[in-house]
Amino acid sequence: MNEILFLVEDAPEGGYTARALGTSIFTEADDLETLHQQVRDAVHCHFDEGHAPQMIRLHFTREEVIAV
C-alpha cells in the first residue's frame, strides 16, 4: 500500500475527526496542524516498520444546512 486516504469532517464539538478508509484508524484534533501530526502518528503506530504507506491523503467533507 503506497497511499492511505482519510475522510476528515468537522467535529460537532469543534475541531476535526479523521477516519481512514479501508483501515481501522481514527484520530481527532482541535486544529489542522495538530490533525496532520495526529494522522501521521496514527499511521505509524498502526503499521509495522517499513510497511506504512508513503503518502497520506486527507479528503475534507463538510455538511451545510440552508434554510428555505
PDB file of N, CA and C in Angstrom:
ATOM      1  N   MET A   1       0.859  -1.188   0.000  1.00  0.00           N
ATOM      2  CA  MET A   1       0.000   0.000   0.000  1.00  0.00           C
ATOM      3  C   MET A   1       0.891   1.233   0.000  1.00  0.00           C
ATOM      4  N   ASN A   2       0.768   2.046  -1.036  1.00  0.00           N
ATOM      5  CA  ASN A   2       1.581   3.258  -1.137  1.00  0.00           C
ATOM      6  C   ASN A   2       0.870   4.491  -0.633  1.00  0.00           C
ATOM      7  N   GLU A   3      -0.470   4.396  -0.475  1.00  0.00           N
ATOM      8  CA  GLU A   3      -1.256   5.569  -0.106  1.00  0.00           C
ATOM      9  C   GLU A   3      -2.396   5.152   0.818  1.00  0.00           C
ATOM     10  N   ILE A   4      -2.733   6.033   1.751  1.00  0.00           N
ATOM     11  CA  ILE A   4      -3.881   5.816   2.622  1.00  0.00           C
ATOM     12  C   ILE A   4      -4.738   7.080   2.584  1.00  0.00           C
ATOM     13  N   LEU A   5      -6.049   6.891   2.582  1.00  0.00           N
ATOM     14  CA  LEU A   5      -6.985   8.001   2.469  1.00  0.00           C
ATOM     15  C   LEU A   5      -7.767   8.154   3.772  1.00  0.00           C
ATOM     16  N   PHE A   6      -7.827   9.375   4.281  1.00  0.00           N
ATOM     17  CA  PHE A   6      -8.604   9.702   5.467  1.00  0.00           C
ATOM     18  C   PHE A   6      -9.760  10.612   5.078  1.00  0.00           C
ATOM     19  N   LEU A   7     -10.920  10.321   5.615  1.00  0.00           N
ATOM     20  CA  LEU A   7     -12.089  11.180   5.476  1.00  0.00           C
ATOM     21  C   LEU A   7     -12.082  12.109   6.688  1.00  0.00           C
ATOM     22  N   VAL A   8     -11.985  13.408   6.448  1.00  0.00           N
ATOM     23  CA  VAL A   8     -11.896  14.402   7.523  1.00  0.00           C
ATOM     24  C   VAL A   8     -13.196  15.192   7.573  1.00  0.00           C
ATOM     25  N   GLU A   9     -13.770  15.281   8.777  1.00  0.00           N
ATOM     26  CA  GLU A   9     -15.016  16.020   8.976  1.00  0.00           C
ATOM     27  C   GLU A   9     -14.866  16.981  10.143  1.00  0.00           C
ATOM     28  N   ASP A  10     -15.696  18.017  10.154  1.00  0.00           N
ATOM     29  CA  ASP A  10     -15.762  18.904  11.311  1.00  0.00           C
ATOM     30  C   ASP A  10     -16.379  18.127  12.460  1.00  0.00           C
ATOM     31  N   ALA A  11     -15.769  18.189  13.631  1.00  0.00           N
ATOM     32  CA  ALA A  11     -16.317  17.529  14.816  1.00  0.00           C
ATOM     33  C   ALA A  11     -17.429  18.398  15.391  1.00  0.00           C
ATOM     34  N   PRO A  12     -18.496  17.792  15.914  1.00  0.00           N
ATOM     35  CA  PRO A  12     -19.612  18.575  16.462  1.00  0.00           C
ATOM     36  C   PRO A  12     -19.190  19.527  17.587  1.00  0.00           C
ATOM     37  N   GLU A  13     -18.204  19.126  18.378  1.00  0.00           N
ATOM     38  CA  GLU A  13     -17.755  19.948  19.494  1.00  0.00           C
ATOM     39  C   GLU A  13     -16.621  20.892  19.115  1.00  0.00           C
ATOM     40  N   GLY A  14     -16.277  20.920  17.835  1.00  0.00           N
ATOM     41  CA  GLY A  14     -15.184  21.765  17.344  1.00  0.00           C
ATOM     42  C   GLY A  14     -13.993  20.909  16.963  1.00  0.00           C
ATOM     43  N   GLY A  15     -13.173  21.407  16.109  1.00  0.00           N
ATOM     44  CA  GLY A  15     -12.014  20.653  15.648  1.00  0.00           C
ATOM     45  C   GLY A  15     -12.374  19.724  14.508  1.00  0.00           C
ATOM     46  N   TYR A  16     -11.609  18.642  14.379  1.00  0.00           N
ATOM     47  CA  TYR A  16     -11.754  17.730  13.250  1.00  0.00           C
ATOM     48  C   TYR A  16     -11.661  16.285  13.703  1.00  0.00           C
ATOM     49  N   THR A  17     -12.322  15.391  12.944  1.00  0.00           N
ATOM     50  CA  THR A  17     -12.141  13.955  13.094  1.00  0.00           C
ATOM     51  C   THR A  17     -11.622  13.423  11.768  1.00  0.00           C
ATOM     52  N   ALA A  18     -10.788  12.388  11.834  1.00  0.00           N
ATOM     53  CA  ALA A  18     -10.230  11.777  10.629  1.00  0.00           C
ATOM     54  C   ALA A  18     -10.333  10.269  10.751  1.00  0.00           C
ATOM     55  N   ARG A  19     -10.948   9.644   9.746  1.00  0.00           N
ATOM     56  CA  ARG A  19     -11.137   8.196   9.732  1.00  0.00           C
ATOM     57  C   ARG A  19     -10.559   7.640   8.433  1.00  0.00           C
ATOM     58  N   ALA A  20      -9.661   6.651   8.564  1.00  0.00           N
ATOM     59  CA  ALA A  20      -9.056   6.034   7.382  1.00  0.00           C
ATOM     60  C   ALA A  20     -10.069   5.140   6.693  1.00  0.00           C
ATOM     61  N   LEU A  21     -10.056   5.140   5.379  1.00  0.00           N
ATOM     62  CA  LEU A  21     -10.927   4.260   4.606  1.00  0.00           C
ATOM     63  C   LEU A  21     -10.183   2.952   4.342  1.00  0.00           C
ATOM     64  N   GLY A  22     -10.821   1.837   4.680  1.00  0.00           N
ATOM     65  CA  GLY A  22     -10.213   0.534   4.444  1.00  0.00           C
ATOM     66  C   GLY A  22      -9.295   0.050   5.541  1.00  0.00           C
ATOM     67  N   THR A  23      -9.082   0.861   6.563  1.00  0.00           N
ATOM     68  CA  THR A  23      -8.216   0.505   7.686  1.00  0.00           C
ATOM     69  C   THR A  23      -8.816   1.082   8.956  1.00  0.00           C
ATOM     70  N   SER A  24      -8.655   0.396  10.071  1.00  0.00           N
ATOM     71  CA  SER A  24      -9.242   0.831  11.342  1.00  0.00           C
ATOM     72  C   SER A  24      -8.361   1.853  12.046  1.00  0.00           C
ATOM     73  N   ILE A  25      -8.291   3.054  11.478  1.00  0.00           N
ATOM     74  CA  ILE A  25      -7.530   4.149  12.099  1.00  0.00           C
ATOM     75  C   ILE A  25      -8.462   5.337  12.242  1.00  0.00           C
ATOM     76  N   PHE A  26      -8.508   5.911  13.444  1.00  0.00           N
ATOM     77  CA  PHE A  26      -9.326   7.078  13.728  1.00  0.00           C
ATOM     78  C   PHE A  26      -8.531   8.000  14.637  1.00  0.00           C
ATOM     79  N   THR A  27      -8.622   9.307  14.373  1.00  0.00           N
ATOM     80  CA  THR A  27      -7.988  10.277  15.250  1.00  0.00           C
ATOM     81  C   THR A  27      -8.765  11.580  15.179  1.00  0.00           C
ATOM     82  N   GLU A  28      -8.458  12.495  16.073  1.00  0.00           N
ATOM     83  CA  GLU A  28      -9.118  13.800  16.099  1.00  0.00           C
ATOM     84  C   GLU A  28      -8.149  14.850  16.614  1.00  0.00           C
ATOM     85  N   ALA A  29      -8.460  16.120  16.317  1.00  0.00           N
ATOM     86  CA  ALA A  29      -7.594  17.225  16.739  1.00  0.00           C
ATOM     87  C   ALA A  29      -8.389  18.520  16.727  1.00  0.00           C
ATOM     88  N   ASP A  30      -7.862  19.515  17.433  1.00  0.00           N
ATOM     89  CA  ASP A  30      -8.529  20.812  17.529  1.00  0.00           C
ATOM     90  C   ASP A  30      -8.248  21.731  16.344  1.00  0.00           C
ATOM     91  N   ASP A  31      -7.096  21.535  15.678  1.00  0.00           N
ATOM     92  CA  ASP A  31      -6.750  22.399  14.552  1.00  0.00           C
ATOM     93  C   ASP A  31      -6.040  21.574  13.478  1.00  0.00           C
ATOM     94  N   LEU A  32      -5.866  22.161  12.304  1.00  0.00           N
ATOM     95  CA  LEU A  32      -5.302  21.429  11.164  1.00  0.00           C
ATOM     96  C   LEU A  32      -3.860  20.991  11.382  1.00  0.00           C
ATOM     97  N   GLU A  33      -3.058  21.848  11.964  1.00  0.00           N
ATOM     98  CA  GLU A  33      -1.657  21.491  12.204  1.00  0.00           C
ATOM     99  C   GLU A  33      -1.561  20.266  13.108  1.00  0.00           C
ATOM    100  N   THR A  34      -2.353  20.268  14.168  1.00  0.00           N
ATOM    101  CA  THR A  34      -2.367  19.132  15.091  1.00  0.00           C
ATOM    102  C   THR A  34      -2.947  17.897  14.416  1.00  0.00           C
ATOM    103  N   LEU A  35      -3.957  18.078  13.583  1.00  0.00           N
ATOM    104  CA  LEU A  35      -4.547  16.945  12.867  1.00  0.00           C
ATOM    105  C   LEU A  35      -3.506  16.274  11.975  1.00  0.00           C
ATOM    106  N   HIS A  36      -2.722  17.043  11.272  1.00  0.00           N
ATOM    107  CA  HIS A  36      -1.675  16.471  10.415  1.00  0.00           C
ATOM    108  C   HIS A  36      -0.741  15.596  11.239  1.00  0.00           C
ATOM    109  N   GLN A  37      -0.319  16.086  12.395  1.00  0.00           N
ATOM    110  CA  GLN A  37       0.596  15.313  13.242  1.00  0.00           C
ATOM    111  C   GLN A  37      -0.089  14.076  13.820  1.00  0.00           C
ATOM    112  N   GLN A  38      -1.341  14.212  14.240  1.00  0.00           N
ATOM    113  CA  GLN A  38      -2.091  13.083  14.798  1.00  0.00           C
ATOM    114  C   GLN A  38      -2.280  11.986  13.749  1.00  0.00           C
ATOM    115  N   VAL A  39      -2.587  12.370  12.518  1.00  0.00           N
ATOM    116  CA  VAL A  39      -2.766  11.390  11.446  1.00  0.00           C
ATOM    117  C   VAL A  39      -1.447  10.671  11.176  1.00  0.00           C
ATOM    118  N   ARG A  40      -0.357  11.414  11.084  1.00  0.00           N
ATOM    119  CA  ARG A  40       0.958  10.781  10.863  1.00  0.00           C
ATOM    120  C   ARG A  40       1.266   9.788  11.976  1.00  0.00           C
ATOM    121  N   ASP A  41       1.084  10.208  13.224  1.00  0.00           N
ATOM    122  CA  ASP A  41       1.363   9.330  14.371  1.00  0.00           C
ATOM    123  C   ASP A  41       0.490   8.086  14.343  1.00  0.00           C
ATOM    124  N   ALA A  42      -0.807   8.249  14.031  1.00  0.00           N
ATOM    125  CA  ALA A  42      -1.726   7.110  13.996  1.00  0.00           C
ATOM    126  C   ALA A  42      -1.317   6.111  12.918  1.00  0.00           C
ATOM    127  N   VAL A  43      -0.915   6.600  11.759  1.00  0.00           N
ATOM    128  CA  VAL A  43      -0.493   5.715  10.667  1.00  0.00           C
ATOM    129  C   VAL A  43       0.767   4.962  11.067  1.00  0.00           C
ATOM    130  N   HIS A  44       1.737   5.653  11.637  1.00  0.00           N
ATOM    131  CA  HIS A  44       2.991   4.994  12.027  1.00  0.00           C
ATOM    132  C   HIS A  44       2.777   3.984  13.144  1.00  0.00           C
ATOM    133  N   CYS A  45       1.828   4.233  14.031  1.00  0.00           N
ATOM    134  CA  CYS A  45       1.516   3.281  15.107  1.00  0.00           C
ATOM    135  C   CYS A  45       0.773   2.055  14.572  1.00  0.00           C
ATOM    136  N   HIS A  46      -0.023   2.228  13.544  1.00  0.00           N
ATOM    137  CA  HIS A  46      -0.861   1.147  13.027  1.00  0.00           C
ATOM    138  C   HIS A  46      -0.075   0.129  12.199  1.00  0.00           C
ATOM    139  N   PHE A  47       0.892   0.587  11.426  1.00  0.00           N
ATOM    140  CA  PHE A  47       1.638  -0.288  10.526  1.00  0.00           C
ATOM    141  C   PHE A  47       2.994  -0.656  11.124  1.00  0.00           C
ATOM    142  N   ASP A  48       3.451  -1.866  10.801  1.00  0.00           N
ATOM    143  CA  ASP A  48       4.788  -2.282  11.198  1.00  0.00           C
ATOM    144  C   ASP A  48       5.819  -1.431  10.461  1.00  0.00           C
ATOM    145  N   GLU A  49       7.004  -1.325  11.043  1.00  0.00           N
ATOM    146  CA  GLU A  49       8.061  -0.516  10.437  1.00  0.00           C
ATOM    147  C   GLU A  49       8.367  -1.016   9.022  1.00  0.00           C
ATOM    148  N   GLY A  50       8.402  -0.093   8.089  1.00  0.00           N
ATOM    149  CA  GLY A  50       8.682  -0.418   6.699  1.00  0.00           C
ATOM    150  C   GLY A  50       7.445  -0.772   5.881  1.00  0.00           C
ATOM    151  N   HIS A  51       6.268  -0.851   6.512  1.00  0.00           N
ATOM    152  CA  HIS A  51       5.047  -1.220   5.806  1.00  0.00           C
ATOM    153  C   HIS A  51       4.019  -0.088   5.752  1.00  0.00           C
ATOM    154  N   ALA A  52       4.344   1.057   6.320  1.00  0.00           N
ATOM    155  CA  ALA A  52       3.423   2.198   6.311  1.00  0.00           C
ATOM    156  C   ALA A  52       3.348   2.801   4.912  1.00  0.00           C
ATOM    157  N   PRO A  53       2.183   3.319   4.537  1.00  0.00           N
ATOM    158  CA  PRO A  53       2.053   3.979   3.239  1.00  0.00           C
ATOM    159  C   PRO A  53       3.000   5.174   3.129  1.00  0.00           C
ATOM    160  N   GLN A  54       3.440   5.446   1.925  1.00  0.00           N
ATOM    161  CA  GLN A  54       4.341   6.570   1.687  1.00  0.00           C
ATOM    162  C   GLN A  54       3.600   7.896   1.601  1.00  0.00           C
ATOM    163  N   MET A  55       2.288   7.848   1.283  1.00  0.00           N
ATOM    164  CA  MET A  55       1.501   9.072   1.134  1.00  0.00           C
ATOM    165  C   MET A  55       0.225   8.960   1.954  1.00  0.00           C
ATOM    166  N   ILE A  56      -0.105  10.046   2.642  1.00  0.00           N
ATOM    167  CA  ILE A  56      -1.363  10.155   3.381  1.00  0.00           C
ATOM    168  C   ILE A  56      -2.178  11.239   2.705  1.00  0.00           C
ATOM    169  N   ARG A  57      -3.383  10.870   2.273  1.00  0.00           N
ATOM    170  CA  ARG A  57      -4.268  11.821   1.601  1.00  0.00           C
ATOM    171  C   ARG A  57      -5.432  12.135   2.526  1.00  0.00           C
ATOM    172  N   LEU A  58      -5.740  13.421   2.707  1.00  0.00           N
ATOM    173  CA  LEU A  58      -6.863  13.856   3.531  1.00  0.00           C
ATOM    174  C   LEU A  58      -7.962  14.394   2.611  1.00  0.00           C
ATOM    175  N   HIS A  59      -9.170  13.852   2.759  1.00  0.00           N
ATOM    176  CA  HIS A  59     -10.325  14.306   1.985  1.00  0.00           C
ATOM    177  C   HIS A  59     -11.272  14.998   2.958  1.00  0.00           C
ATOM    178  N   PHE A  60     -11.436  16.305   2.813  1.00  0.00           N
ATOM    179  CA  PHE A  60     -12.261  17.102   3.720  1.00  0.00           C
ATOM    180  C   PHE A  60     -13.699  17.139   3.221  1.00  0.00           C
ATOM    181  N   THR A  61     -14.640  16.871   4.127  1.00  0.00           N
ATOM    182  CA  THR A  61     -16.057  16.981   3.807  1.00  0.00           C
ATOM    183  C   THR A  61     -16.711  17.901   4.820  1.00  0.00           C
ATOM    184  N   ARG A  62     -17.763  18.571   4.377  1.00  0.00           N
ATOM    185  CA  ARG A  62     -18.484  19.455   5.281  1.00  0.00           C
ATOM    186  C   ARG A  62     -19.955  19.452   4.868  1.00  0.00           C
ATOM    187  N   GLU A  63     -20.799  19.345   5.838  1.00  0.00           N
ATOM    188  CA  GLU A  63     -22.234  19.390   5.591  1.00  0.00           C
ATOM    189  C   GLU A  63     -22.758  20.771   5.953  1.00  0.00           C
ATOM    190  N   GLU A  64     -23.546  21.336   5.055  1.00  0.00           N
ATOM    191  CA  GLU A  64     -24.148  22.643   5.307  1.00  0.00           C
ATOM    192  C   GLU A  64     -25.656  22.522   5.164  1.00  0.00           C
ATOM    193  N   VAL A  65     -26.364  23.181   6.050  1.00  0.00           N
ATOM    194  CA  VAL A  65     -27.823  23.203   6.000  1.00  0.00           C
ATOM    195  C   VAL A  65     -28.250  24.618   5.639  1.00  0.00           C
ATOM    196  N   ILE A  66     -29.102  24.726   4.630  1.00  0.00           N
ATOM    197  CA  ILE A  66     -29.603  26.025   4.189  1.00  0.00           C
ATOM    198  C   ILE A  66     -31.101  26.070   4.450  1.00  0.00           C
ATOM    199  N   ALA A  67     -31.543  27.072   5.205  1.00  0.00           N
ATOM    200  CA  ALA A  67     -32.973  27.222   5.481  1.00  0.00           C
ATOM    201  C   ALA A  67     -33.694  27.700   4.222  1.00  0.00           C
ATOM    202  N   VAL A  68     -34.909  27.237   4.058  1.00  0.00           N
ATOM    203  CA  VAL A  68     -35.689  27.603   2.863  1.00  0.00           C
ATOM    204  C   VAL A  68     -36.516  28.830   3.142  1.00  0.00           C
TER     205      VAL A  68
END
